[in-house]
Amino acid sequence: MACPVNLLYERDRAVEALPYFERALVIDGGDAGLLEMVGLCYLRTEDYQKAMEYLEKAKDRVTDAEKLKSLEELISGLKKASKG
């Protein structure tokens, strides 16, 4: 069963999903998946600075090599876009 908050995000309703993900971070602020989702929500709302902040935190906590590579590529792309 899909999480209702994830469904909001998946349906391009990141603005609505963001407060729920942020509340979840109060409970478990070290969860890489939550940090990533908050970062992705900020990315969708075009708040690139906050997106980068949360995606970097997620990258520092992720344990899966494939997920790490994905986050590094996303962060690298954001950094290039912000310079140019």
C-alpha atoms as a PDB file:
ATOM      1  CA  MET A   1       0.000   0.000   0.000  1.00  0.00           C
ATOM      2  CA  ALA A   2       1.382   3.400  -0.986  1.00  0.00           C
ATOM      3  CA  CYS A   3       1.898   6.093   1.608  1.00  0.00           C
ATOM      4  CA  PRO A   4      -0.565   8.989   1.097  1.00  0.00           C
ATOM      5  CA  VAL A   5       2.250  11.543   1.399  1.00  0.00           C
ATOM      6  CA  ASN A   6       4.276   9.787  -1.292  1.00  0.00           C
ATOM      7  CA  LEU A   7       1.182   9.835  -3.494  1.00  0.00           C
ATOM      8  CA  LEU A   8       0.955  13.608  -3.083  1.00  0.00           C
ATOM      9  CA  TYR A   9       4.569  13.923  -4.201  1.00  0.00           C
ATOM     10  CA  GLU A  10       4.111  11.517  -7.101  1.00  0.00           C
ATOM     11  CA  ARG A  11       1.099  13.475  -8.321  1.00  0.00           C
ATOM     12  CA  ASP A  12       3.117  16.706  -8.533  1.00  0.00           C
ATOM     13  CA  ARG A  13       1.683  18.014  -5.287  1.00  0.00           C
ATOM     14  CA  ALA A  14       5.054  18.539  -3.597  1.00  0.00           C
ATOM     15  CA  VAL A  15       3.922  21.736  -1.880  1.00  0.00           C
ATOM     16  CA  GLU A  16       1.235  19.757  -0.067  1.00  0.00           C
ATOM     17  CA  ALA A  17       3.541  16.841   0.743  1.00  0.00           C
ATOM     18  CA  LEU A  18       6.420  18.929   2.080  1.00  0.00           C
ATOM     19  CA  PRO A  19       4.974  19.750   5.546  1.00  0.00           C
ATOM     20  CA  TYR A  20       4.268  16.059   6.175  1.00  0.00           C
ATOM     21  CA  PHE A  21       7.801  15.026   5.245  1.00  0.00           C
ATOM     22  CA  GLU A  22       9.211  17.822   7.405  1.00  0.00           C
ATOM     23  CA  ARG A  23       7.128  16.663  10.388  1.00  0.00           C
ATOM     24  CA  ALA A  24       8.441  13.143   9.871  1.00  0.00           C
ATOM     25  CA  LEU A  25      11.983  14.551  10.036  1.00  0.00           C
ATOM     26  CA  VAL A  26      11.215  15.819  13.548  1.00  0.00           C
ATOM     27  CA  ILE A  27      10.675  12.179  14.527  1.00  0.00           C
ATOM     28  CA  ASP A  28      13.574  10.736  12.538  1.00  0.00           C
ATOM     29  CA  GLY A  29      15.829  13.501  11.260  1.00  0.00           C
ATOM     30  CA  GLY A  30      18.564  11.093  10.252  1.00  0.00           C
ATOM     31  CA  ASP A  31      16.521   9.043   7.797  1.00  0.00           C
ATOM     32  CA  ALA A  32      18.152   9.309   4.376  1.00  0.00           C
ATOM     33  CA  GLY A  33      14.910   8.552   2.558  1.00  0.00           C
ATOM     34  CA  LEU A  34      13.024  11.332   4.320  1.00  0.00           C
ATOM     35  CA  LEU A  35      15.844  13.791   3.731  1.00  0.00           C
ATOM     36  CA  GLU A  36      15.833  12.869   0.066  1.00  0.00           C
ATOM     37  CA  MET A  37      12.061  13.325  -0.232  1.00  0.00           C
ATOM     38  CA  VAL A  38      12.235  16.752   1.417  1.00  0.00           C
ATOM     39  CA  GLY A  39      15.030  17.671  -0.997  1.00  0.00           C
ATOM     40  CA  LEU A  40      13.020  16.458  -3.964  1.00  0.00           C
ATOM     41  CA  CYS A  41       9.965  18.408  -2.804  1.00  0.00           C
ATOM     42  CA  TYR A  42      12.050  21.567  -2.605  1.00  0.00           C
ATOM     43  CA  LEU A  43      13.446  20.775  -6.046  1.00  0.00           C
ATOM     44  CA  ARG A  44       9.934  20.522  -7.477  1.00  0.00           C
ATOM     45  CA  THR A  45       8.986  23.818  -5.852  1.00  0.00           C
ATOM     46  CA  GLU A  46      12.128  25.359  -7.396  1.00  0.00           C
ATOM     47  CA  ASP A  47      13.762  26.179  -4.042  1.00  0.00           C
ATOM     48  CA  TYR A  48      17.121  24.922  -5.243  1.00  0.00           C
ATOM     49  CA  GLN A  49      19.124  26.083  -2.228  1.00  0.00           C
ATOM     50  CA  LYS A  50      16.985  24.104   0.217  1.00  0.00           C
ATOM     51  CA  ALA A  51      16.842  21.176  -2.196  1.00  0.00           C
ATOM     52  CA  MET A  52      20.625  21.049  -2.247  1.00  0.00           C
ATOM     53  CA  GLU A  53      20.798  21.285   1.552  1.00  0.00           C
ATOM     54  CA  TYR A  54      18.530  18.291   2.106  1.00  0.00           C
ATOM     55  CA  LEU A  55      19.925  16.217  -0.751  1.00  0.00           C
ATOM     56  CA  GLU A  56      23.454  16.697   0.622  1.00  0.00           C
ATOM     57  CA  LYS A  57      22.261  15.529   4.056  1.00  0.00           C
ATOM     58  CA  ALA A  58      20.621  12.498   2.459  1.00  0.00           C
ATOM     59  CA  LYS A  59      23.795  11.703   0.522  1.00  0.00           C
ATOM     60  CA  ASP A  60      25.817  11.761   3.738  1.00  0.00           C
ATOM     61  CA  ARG A  61      23.488   9.206   5.347  1.00  0.00           C
ATOM     62  CA  VAL A  62      22.609   6.863   2.493  1.00  0.00           C
ATOM     63  CA  THR A  63      24.070   3.351   2.635  1.00  0.00           C
ATOM     64  CA  ASP A  64      23.004   1.981  -0.749  1.00  0.00           C
ATOM     65  CA  ALA A  65      25.697   2.446  -3.431  1.00  0.00           C
ATOM     66  CA  GLU A  66      23.192   2.879  -6.260  1.00  0.00           C
ATOM     67  CA  LYS A  67      21.193   5.474  -4.317  1.00  0.00           C
ATOM     68  CA  LEU A  68      24.432   7.265  -3.417  1.00  0.00           C
ATOM     69  CA  LYS A  69      25.413   7.491  -7.080  1.00  0.00           C
ATOM     70  CA  SER A  70      21.955   8.793  -7.989  1.00  0.00           C
ATOM     71  CA  LEU A  71      22.102  11.492  -5.314  1.00  0.00           C
ATOM     72  CA  GLU A  72      25.630  12.509  -6.329  1.00  0.00           C
ATOM     73  CA  GLU A  73      24.517  12.900  -9.958  1.00  0.00           C
ATOM     74  CA  LEU A  74      21.473  14.924  -8.946  1.00  0.00           C
ATOM     75  CA  ILE A  75      23.525  17.198  -6.684  1.00  0.00           C
ATOM     76  CA  SER A  76      26.177  17.618  -9.368  1.00  0.00           C
ATOM     77  CA  GLY A  77      23.505  18.634 -11.882  1.00  0.00           C
ATOM     78  CA  LEU A  78      22.052  21.160  -9.435  1.00  0.00           C
ATOM     79  CA  LYS A  79      25.472  22.662  -8.814  1.00  0.00           C
ATOM     80  CA  LYS A  80      26.131  22.993 -12.555  1.00  0.00           C
ATOM     81  CA  ALA A  81      22.707  24.542 -13.147  1.00  0.00           C
ATOM     82  CA  SER A  82      23.179  27.064 -10.353  1.00  0.00           C
ATOM     83  CA  LYS A  83      26.480  28.231 -11.864  1.00  0.00           C
ATOM     84  CA  GLY A  84      25.235  28.616 -15.287  1.00  0.00           C
END
